[in-house]
All heavy atoms as atom14 arrays in JSON, in Angstrom:
{
  "sequence": "FIKVEGISARNLLGCAVAAAVSASFNAPIAGT",
  "atom14_mask": [
    [1, 1, 1, 1, 1, 1, 1, 1, 1, 1, 1, 0, 0, 0],
    [1, 1, 1, 1, 1, 1, 1, 1, 0, 0, 0, 0, 0, 0],
    [1, 1, 1, 1, 1, 1, 1, 1, 1, 0, 0, 0, 0, 0],
    [1, 1, 1, 1, 1, 1, 1, 0, 0, 0, 0, 0, 0, 0],
    [1, 1, 1, 1, 1, 1, 1, 1, 1, 0, 0, 0, 0, 0],
    [1, 1, 1, 1, 0, 0, 0, 0, 0, 0, 0, 0, 0, 0],
    [1, 1, 1, 1, 1, 1, 1, 1, 0, 0, 0, 0, 0, 0],
    [1, 1, 1, 1, 1, 1, 0, 0, 0, 0, 0, 0, 0, 0],
    [1, 1, 1, 1, 1, 0, 0, 0, 0, 0, 0, 0, 0, 0],
    [1, 1, 1, 1, 1, 1, 1, 1, 1, 1, 1, 0, 0, 0],
    [1, 1, 1, 1, 1, 1, 1, 1, 0, 0, 0, 0, 0, 0],
    [1, 1, 1, 1, 1, 1, 1, 1, 0, 0, 0, 0, 0, 0],
    [1, 1, 1, 1, 1, 1, 1, 1, 0, 0, 0, 0, 0, 0],
    [1, 1, 1, 1, 0, 0, 0, 0, 0, 0, 0, 0, 0, 0],
    [1, 1, 1, 1, 1, 1, 0, 0, 0, 0, 0, 0, 0, 0],
    [1, 1, 1, 1, 1, 0, 0, 0, 0, 0, 0, 0, 0, 0],
    [1, 1, 1, 1, 1, 1, 1, 0, 0, 0, 0, 0, 0, 0],
    [1, 1, 1, 1, 1, 0, 0, 0, 0, 0, 0, 0, 0, 0],
    [1, 1, 1, 1, 1, 0, 0, 0, 0, 0, 0, 0, 0, 0],
    [1, 1, 1, 1, 1, 0, 0, 0, 0, 0, 0, 0, 0, 0],
    [1, 1, 1, 1, 1, 1, 1, 0, 0, 0, 0, 0, 0, 0],
    [1, 1, 1, 1, 1, 1, 0, 0, 0, 0, 0, 0, 0, 0],
    [1, 1, 1, 1, 1, 0, 0, 0, 0, 0, 0, 0, 0, 0],
    [1, 1, 1, 1, 1, 1, 0, 0, 0, 0, 0, 0, 0, 0],
    [1, 1, 1, 1, 1, 1, 1, 1, 1, 1, 1, 0, 0, 0],
    [1, 1, 1, 1, 1, 1, 1, 1, 0, 0, 0, 0, 0, 0],
    [1, 1, 1, 1, 1, 0, 0, 0, 0, 0, 0, 0, 0, 0],
    [1, 1, 1, 1, 1, 1, 1, 0, 0, 0, 0, 0, 0, 0],
    [1, 1, 1, 1, 1, 1, 1, 1, 0, 0, 0, 0, 0, 0],
    [1, 1, 1, 1, 1, 0, 0, 0, 0, 0, 0, 0, 0, 0],
    [1, 1, 1, 1, 0, 0, 0, 0, 0, 0, 0, 0, 0, 0],
    [1, 1, 1, 1, 1, 1, 1, 0, 0, 0, 0, 0, 0, 0]
  ],
  "atom14_positions": [
    [[80.41, 109.56, 90.39], [79.67, 108.64, 89.51], [79.46, 107.27, 90.18], [78.38, 106.69, 90.11], [80.43, 108.47, 88.2], [79.73, 107.58, 87.2], [78.64, 108.06, 86.48], [80.15, 106.28, 86.99], [77.98, 107.25, 85.57], [79.51, 105.46, 86.08], [78.41, 105.95, 85.36], [0.0, 0.0, 0.0], [0.0, 0.0, 0.0], [0.0, 0.0, 0.0]],
    [[80.51, 106.77, 90.84], [80.39, 105.45, 91.46], [80.02, 105.56, 92.94], [79.92, 104.55, 93.65], [81.68, 104.63, 91.31], [82.86, 105.31, 92.03], [82.01, 104.43, 89.85], [84.17, 104.53, 91.95], [0.0, 0.0, 0.0], [0.0, 0.0, 0.0], [0.0, 0.0, 0.0], [0.0, 0.0, 0.0], [0.0, 0.0, 0.0], [0.0, 0.0, 0.0]],
    [[79.87, 106.81, 93.42], [79.37, 107.09, 94.78], [80.27, 106.48, 95.86], [79.82, 105.71, 96.71], [77.93, 106.59, 94.93], [76.93, 107.31, 94.05], [75.54, 106.79, 94.24], [74.51, 107.62, 93.47], [74.77, 107.7, 92.04], [0.0, 0.0, 0.0], [0.0, 0.0, 0.0], [0.0, 0.0, 0.0], [0.0, 0.0, 0.0], [0.0, 0.0, 0.0]],
    [[81.55, 106.83, 95.83], [82.47, 106.4, 96.88], [82.74, 107.57, 97.82], [82.7, 108.74, 97.41], [83.79, 105.87, 96.3], [83.55, 104.63, 95.48], [84.51, 106.93, 95.48], [0.0, 0.0, 0.0], [0.0, 0.0, 0.0], [0.0, 0.0, 0.0], [0.0, 0.0, 0.0], [0.0, 0.0, 0.0], [0.0, 0.0, 0.0], [0.0, 0.0, 0.0]],
    [[83.01, 107.26, 99.07], [83.25, 108.27, 100.08], [84.5, 107.91, 100.87], [85.07, 106.82, 100.73], [82.05, 108.38, 101.04], [80.71, 108.62, 100.38], [80.6, 110.02, 99.79], [81.32, 110.91, 100.29], [79.81, 110.22, 98.86], [0.0, 0.0, 0.0], [0.0, 0.0, 0.0], [0.0, 0.0, 0.0], [0.0, 0.0, 0.0], [0.0, 0.0, 0.0]],
    [[84.91, 108.82, 101.74], [85.95, 108.54, 102.71], [87.26, 108.06, 102.14], [87.82, 108.64, 101.21], [0.0, 0.0, 0.0], [0.0, 0.0, 0.0], [0.0, 0.0, 0.0], [0.0, 0.0, 0.0], [0.0, 0.0, 0.0], [0.0, 0.0, 0.0], [0.0, 0.0, 0.0], [0.0, 0.0, 0.0], [0.0, 0.0, 0.0], [0.0, 0.0, 0.0]],
    [[87.76, 106.95, 102.7], [89.07, 106.42, 102.33], [89.15, 106.11, 100.84], [90.13, 106.44, 100.17], [89.39, 105.16, 103.15], [89.51, 105.51, 104.63], [90.68, 104.52, 102.67], [89.74, 104.3, 105.52], [0.0, 0.0, 0.0], [0.0, 0.0, 0.0], [0.0, 0.0, 0.0], [0.0, 0.0, 0.0], [0.0, 0.0, 0.0], [0.0, 0.0, 0.0]],
    [[88.11, 105.5, 100.31], [88.12, 105.11, 98.9], [88.23, 106.33, 97.99], [88.96, 106.31, 96.99], [86.87, 104.3, 98.56], [86.82, 103.1, 99.3], [0.0, 0.0, 0.0], [0.0, 0.0, 0.0], [0.0, 0.0, 0.0], [0.0, 0.0, 0.0], [0.0, 0.0, 0.0], [0.0, 0.0, 0.0], [0.0, 0.0, 0.0], [0.0, 0.0, 0.0]],
    [[87.5, 107.39, 98.32], [87.54, 108.61, 97.49], [88.91, 109.26, 97.56], [89.45, 109.74, 96.55], [86.47, 109.58, 97.96], [0.0, 0.0, 0.0], [0.0, 0.0, 0.0], [0.0, 0.0, 0.0], [0.0, 0.0, 0.0], [0.0, 0.0, 0.0], [0.0, 0.0, 0.0], [0.0, 0.0, 0.0], [0.0, 0.0, 0.0], [0.0, 0.0, 0.0]],
    [[89.51, 109.27, 98.75], [90.84, 109.88, 98.89], [91.9, 109.05, 98.17], [92.82, 109.59, 97.55], [91.18, 110.07, 100.36], [90.43, 111.22, 101.02], [90.89, 111.49, 102.43], [90.38, 110.49, 103.36], [89.19, 110.56, 103.94], [88.38, 111.58, 103.69], [88.8, 109.64, 104.8], [0.0, 0.0, 0.0], [0.0, 0.0, 0.0], [0.0, 0.0, 0.0]],
    [[91.79, 107.74, 98.25], [92.72, 106.89, 97.53], [92.59, 107.06, 96.02], [93.58, 107.06, 95.28], [92.5, 105.42, 97.89], [93.01, 105.08, 99.28], [93.73, 105.88, 99.9], [92.64, 103.92, 99.77], [0.0, 0.0, 0.0], [0.0, 0.0, 0.0], [0.0, 0.0, 0.0], [0.0, 0.0, 0.0], [0.0, 0.0, 0.0], [0.0, 0.0, 0.0]],
    [[91.34, 107.22, 95.56], [91.11, 107.45, 94.14], [91.74, 108.78, 93.71], [92.33, 108.88, 92.62], [89.62, 107.44, 93.84], [89.21, 107.43, 92.37], [89.75, 106.2, 91.65], [87.69, 107.48, 92.26], [0.0, 0.0, 0.0], [0.0, 0.0, 0.0], [0.0, 0.0, 0.0], [0.0, 0.0, 0.0], [0.0, 0.0, 0.0], [0.0, 0.0, 0.0]],
    [[91.64, 109.79, 94.56], [92.29, 111.07, 94.28], [93.8, 110.89, 94.19], [94.45, 111.43, 93.28], [91.94, 112.07, 95.38], [92.6, 113.45, 95.29], [92.08, 114.21, 94.08], [92.35, 114.25, 96.57], [0.0, 0.0, 0.0], [0.0, 0.0, 0.0], [0.0, 0.0, 0.0], [0.0, 0.0, 0.0], [0.0, 0.0, 0.0], [0.0, 0.0, 0.0]],
    [[94.38, 110.12, 95.11], [95.81, 109.85, 95.06], [96.22, 109.12, 93.8], [97.27, 109.4, 93.22], [0.0, 0.0, 0.0], [0.0, 0.0, 0.0], [0.0, 0.0, 0.0], [0.0, 0.0, 0.0], [0.0, 0.0, 0.0], [0.0, 0.0, 0.0], [0.0, 0.0, 0.0], [0.0, 0.0, 0.0], [0.0, 0.0, 0.0], [0.0, 0.0, 0.0]],
    [[95.37, 108.19, 93.35], [95.66, 107.46, 92.1], [95.71, 108.43, 90.92], [96.6, 108.33, 90.06], [94.59, 106.4, 91.86], [94.65, 105.0, 93.0], [0.0, 0.0, 0.0], [0.0, 0.0, 0.0], [0.0, 0.0, 0.0], [0.0, 0.0, 0.0], [0.0, 0.0, 0.0], [0.0, 0.0, 0.0], [0.0, 0.0, 0.0], [0.0, 0.0, 0.0]],
    [[94.76, 109.35, 90.86], [94.72, 110.31, 89.76], [95.95, 111.2, 89.76], [96.55, 111.48, 88.71], [93.44, 111.14, 89.85], [0.0, 0.0, 0.0], [0.0, 0.0, 0.0], [0.0, 0.0, 0.0], [0.0, 0.0, 0.0], [0.0, 0.0, 0.0], [0.0, 0.0, 0.0], [0.0, 0.0, 0.0], [0.0, 0.0, 0.0], [0.0, 0.0, 0.0]],
    [[96.35, 111.67, 90.94], [97.52, 112.54, 91.05], [98.78, 111.78, 90.62], [99.61, 112.3, 89.85], [97.67, 113.05, 92.5], [99.02, 113.73, 92.69], [96.54, 114.01, 92.84], [0.0, 0.0, 0.0], [0.0, 0.0, 0.0], [0.0, 0.0, 0.0], [0.0, 0.0, 0.0], [0.0, 0.0, 0.0], [0.0, 0.0, 0.0], [0.0, 0.0, 0.0]],
    [[98.95, 110.56, 91.11], [100.13, 109.78, 90.77], [100.21, 109.51, 89.27], [101.28, 109.65, 88.66], [100.12, 108.45, 91.54], [0.0, 0.0, 0.0], [0.0, 0.0, 0.0], [0.0, 0.0, 0.0], [0.0, 0.0, 0.0], [0.0, 0.0, 0.0], [0.0, 0.0, 0.0], [0.0, 0.0, 0.0], [0.0, 0.0, 0.0], [0.0, 0.0, 0.0]],
    [[99.09, 109.14, 88.67], [99.08, 108.87, 87.23], [99.39, 110.13, 86.43], [100.11, 110.08, 85.42], [97.72, 108.31, 86.82], [0.0, 0.0, 0.0], [0.0, 0.0, 0.0], [0.0, 0.0, 0.0], [0.0, 0.0, 0.0], [0.0, 0.0, 0.0], [0.0, 0.0, 0.0], [0.0, 0.0, 0.0], [0.0, 0.0, 0.0], [0.0, 0.0, 0.0]],
    [[98.86, 111.27, 86.87], [99.1, 112.53, 86.16], [100.57, 112.92, 86.21], [101.17, 113.3, 85.2], [98.23, 113.64, 86.76], [0.0, 0.0, 0.0], [0.0, 0.0, 0.0], [0.0, 0.0, 0.0], [0.0, 0.0, 0.0], [0.0, 0.0, 0.0], [0.0, 0.0, 0.0], [0.0, 0.0, 0.0], [0.0, 0.0, 0.0], [0.0, 0.0, 0.0]],
    [[101.18, 112.83, 87.38], [102.59, 113.18, 87.53], [103.47, 112.21, 86.74], [104.41, 112.61, 86.04], [102.99, 113.19, 89.02], [104.5, 113.37, 89.17], [102.26, 114.29, 89.76], [0.0, 0.0, 0.0], [0.0, 0.0, 0.0], [0.0, 0.0, 0.0], [0.0, 0.0, 0.0], [0.0, 0.0, 0.0], [0.0, 0.0, 0.0], [0.0, 0.0, 0.0]],
    [[103.16, 110.93, 86.83], [103.97, 109.92, 86.16], [103.91, 110.07, 84.64], [104.93, 109.97, 83.96], [103.49, 108.52, 86.56], [103.61, 108.34, 87.95], [0.0, 0.0, 0.0], [0.0, 0.0, 0.0], [0.0, 0.0, 0.0], [0.0, 0.0, 0.0], [0.0, 0.0, 0.0], [0.0, 0.0, 0.0], [0.0, 0.0, 0.0], [0.0, 0.0, 0.0]],
    [[102.7, 110.29, 84.11], [102.56, 110.45, 82.67], [103.24, 111.72, 82.18], [103.82, 111.75, 81.09], [101.08, 110.46, 82.3], [0.0, 0.0, 0.0], [0.0, 0.0, 0.0], [0.0, 0.0, 0.0], [0.0, 0.0, 0.0], [0.0, 0.0, 0.0], [0.0, 0.0, 0.0], [0.0, 0.0, 0.0], [0.0, 0.0, 0.0], [0.0, 0.0, 0.0]],
    [[103.19, 112.76, 83.0], [103.76, 114.05, 82.59], [105.27, 114.04, 82.61], [105.92, 114.61, 81.73], [103.23, 115.16, 83.5], [103.77, 116.41, 83.14], [0.0, 0.0, 0.0], [0.0, 0.0, 0.0], [0.0, 0.0, 0.0], [0.0, 0.0, 0.0], [0.0, 0.0, 0.0], [0.0, 0.0, 0.0], [0.0, 0.0, 0.0], [0.0, 0.0, 0.0]],
    [[105.87, 113.37, 83.6], [107.32, 113.44, 83.8], [108.03, 112.11, 83.53], [109.24, 112.04, 83.73], [107.63, 113.9, 85.23], [107.24, 115.31, 85.51], [106.14, 115.59, 86.3], [107.95, 116.37, 84.98], [105.77, 116.9, 86.56], [107.59, 117.68, 85.24], [106.49, 117.94, 86.03], [0.0, 0.0, 0.0], [0.0, 0.0, 0.0], [0.0, 0.0, 0.0]],
    [[107.3, 111.07, 83.13], [107.91, 109.76, 82.93], [108.65, 109.32, 84.2], [109.8, 108.88, 84.16], [108.88, 109.8, 81.74], [109.36, 108.4, 81.34], [108.74, 107.4, 81.68], [110.49, 108.34, 80.63], [0.0, 0.0, 0.0], [0.0, 0.0, 0.0], [0.0, 0.0, 0.0], [0.0, 0.0, 0.0], [0.0, 0.0, 0.0], [0.0, 0.0, 0.0]],
    [[107.94, 109.45, 85.33], [108.57, 109.2, 86.63], [107.61, 108.43, 87.53], [106.98, 109.02, 88.41], [108.98, 110.52, 87.27], [0.0, 0.0, 0.0], [0.0, 0.0, 0.0], [0.0, 0.0, 0.0], [0.0, 0.0, 0.0], [0.0, 0.0, 0.0], [0.0, 0.0, 0.0], [0.0, 0.0, 0.0], [0.0, 0.0, 0.0], [0.0, 0.0, 0.0]],
    [[107.48, 107.12, 87.34], [106.47, 106.35, 88.1], [106.74, 106.28, 89.59], [105.8, 106.3, 90.39], [106.53, 104.97, 87.44], [107.89, 104.89, 86.82], [108.2, 106.28, 86.37], [0.0, 0.0, 0.0], [0.0, 0.0, 0.0], [0.0, 0.0, 0.0], [0.0, 0.0, 0.0], [0.0, 0.0, 0.0], [0.0, 0.0, 0.0], [0.0, 0.0, 0.0]],
    [[108.01, 106.16, 89.98], [108.32, 106.07, 91.41], [108.01, 107.39, 92.09], [107.33, 107.43, 93.13], [109.79, 105.68, 91.61], [110.1, 104.35, 90.93], [110.12, 105.61, 93.09], [111.56, 103.96, 90.97], [0.0, 0.0, 0.0], [0.0, 0.0, 0.0], [0.0, 0.0, 0.0], [0.0, 0.0, 0.0], [0.0, 0.0, 0.0], [0.0, 0.0, 0.0]],
    [[108.48, 108.48, 91.51], [108.24, 109.79, 92.1], [106.76, 110.14, 92.08], [106.25, 110.78, 93.01], [109.04, 110.86, 91.35], [0.0, 0.0, 0.0], [0.0, 0.0, 0.0], [0.0, 0.0, 0.0], [0.0, 0.0, 0.0], [0.0, 0.0, 0.0], [0.0, 0.0, 0.0], [0.0, 0.0, 0.0], [0.0, 0.0, 0.0], [0.0, 0.0, 0.0]],
    [[106.04, 109.75, 91.03], [104.6, 110.01, 90.98], [103.87, 109.36, 92.13], [102.98, 109.95, 92.75], [0.0, 0.0, 0.0], [0.0, 0.0, 0.0], [0.0, 0.0, 0.0], [0.0, 0.0, 0.0], [0.0, 0.0, 0.0], [0.0, 0.0, 0.0], [0.0, 0.0, 0.0], [0.0, 0.0, 0.0], [0.0, 0.0, 0.0], [0.0, 0.0, 0.0]],
    [[104.24, 108.13, 92.44], [103.63, 107.41, 93.56], [103.91, 108.12, 94.88], [102.99, 108.38, 95.68], [104.18, 105.97, 93.63], [103.89, 105.3, 92.4], [103.57, 105.21, 94.79], [0.0, 0.0, 0.0], [0.0, 0.0, 0.0], [0.0, 0.0, 0.0], [0.0, 0.0, 0.0], [0.0, 0.0, 0.0], [0.0, 0.0, 0.0], [0.0, 0.0, 0.0]]
  ]
}
């Protein structure tokens, strides 16, 4: 939607994964 590529897109993917793990397990450090 925002048309990002490369490093920005991969970092955004990492953000989504970290937030999903943290919200699911109440584990912000491990999610990161």
